[in-house]
Amino acid sequence: MTIAFYMDENVHRGVTDGLRIRGVDVLTAQEDRRTSFRGPIILDRATELERVLFSQDDDFLAEANRRQQEKINFSGVV
């Protein structure tokens, strides 16, 4: 099983490029035309696409924690 990532818009391009060089399936919010969307919407989009959200934003960790506590399904946050 491989993991497909959905990169939020704040992840440095070098991280995305480095993952792609190593053969990792990556889609950025920019490529998906989802820039400037709020955190919960981005996490919903990643889940819809069956991708794990890759973020360096602490707000996503808080949102993931809230969803876990409320037993709301989502694809995951790294």
Protein backbone atom coordinates (compact mmCIF):
# COMPACT_ATOMS: atom_id res chain seq x y z
CA MET A 1 0.00 0.00 0.00
CA THR A 2 1.30 3.43 -0.88
CA ILE A 3 0.31 6.74 0.64
CA ALA A 4 -0.83 9.61 -1.56
CA PHE A 5 -0.31 13.08 -0.07
CA TYR A 6 -2.24 16.30 -0.42
CA MET A 7 0.15 19.18 0.32
CA ASP A 8 -1.32 22.28 1.90
CA GLU A 9 -0.27 25.58 0.36
CA ASN A 10 2.22 26.40 3.12
CA VAL A 11 4.50 23.40 2.54
CA HIS A 12 7.78 24.47 0.96
CA ARG A 13 8.07 23.44 -2.68
CA GLY A 14 11.39 21.74 -1.95
CA VAL A 15 9.60 19.21 0.28
CA THR A 16 7.07 18.47 -2.46
CA ASP A 17 9.77 18.19 -5.12
CA GLY A 18 11.88 15.92 -2.91
CA LEU A 19 8.97 13.55 -2.36
CA ARG A 20 8.19 13.45 -6.06
CA ILE A 21 11.81 12.68 -6.92
CA ARG A 22 11.45 9.65 -4.64
CA GLY A 23 8.31 8.49 -6.44
CA VAL A 24 5.75 9.63 -3.85
CA ASP A 25 2.29 10.52 -5.18
CA VAL A 26 1.80 14.19 -4.29
CA LEU A 27 -0.91 16.71 -5.20
CA THR A 28 -0.61 20.30 -4.00
CA ALA A 29 -3.49 22.57 -3.02
CA GLN A 30 -2.21 24.98 -5.67
CA GLU A 31 -2.43 22.32 -8.40
CA ASP A 32 -5.94 21.50 -7.17
CA ARG A 33 -6.86 25.21 -7.28
CA ARG A 34 -7.56 25.25 -3.54
CA THR A 35 -5.35 28.12 -2.36
CA SER A 36 -6.62 30.37 0.42
CA PHE A 37 -9.25 27.83 1.53
CA ARG A 38 -9.77 27.35 5.26
CA GLY A 39 -8.23 24.36 7.03
CA PRO A 40 -11.36 22.23 7.46
CA ILE A 41 -12.18 22.58 3.75
CA ILE A 42 -8.65 21.50 2.77
CA LEU A 43 -8.86 18.48 5.09
CA ASP A 44 -12.26 17.58 3.63
CA ARG A 45 -10.80 17.82 0.12
CA ALA A 46 -7.85 15.57 1.00
CA THR A 47 -10.29 13.05 2.45
CA GLU A 48 -12.51 13.25 -0.65
CA LEU A 49 -9.46 12.48 -2.82
CA GLU A 50 -8.36 9.68 -0.42
CA ARG A 51 -5.06 11.46 0.30
CA VAL A 52 -3.31 12.16 3.59
CA LEU A 53 -2.93 15.86 4.25
CA PHE A 54 0.70 16.95 4.58
CA SER A 55 0.98 20.22 6.48
CA GLN A 56 3.33 22.29 8.59
CA ASP A 57 0.42 24.25 10.07
CA ASP A 58 -0.49 23.49 13.70
CA ASP A 59 -4.12 24.41 12.97
CA PHE A 60 -4.50 21.19 11.00
CA LEU A 61 -3.33 19.17 13.99
CA ALA A 62 -5.97 20.86 16.13
CA GLU A 63 -8.62 20.13 13.49
CA ALA A 64 -7.50 16.50 13.23
CA ASN A 65 -7.66 16.16 17.01
CA ARG A 66 -11.18 17.63 17.06
CA ARG A 67 -12.31 15.20 14.38
CA GLN A 68 -10.82 12.26 16.25
CA GLN A 69 -12.59 13.28 19.45
CA GLU A 70 -15.90 13.66 17.60
CA LYS A 71 -15.35 10.44 15.60
CA ILE A 72 -15.50 12.30 12.27
CA ASN A 73 -13.87 10.35 9.45
CA PHE A 74 -10.89 11.94 7.67
CA SER A 75 -7.91 10.64 5.74
CA GLY A 76 -5.17 11.73 8.15
CA VAL A 77 -2.67 14.52 8.75
CA VAL A 78 1.12 14.38 8.61
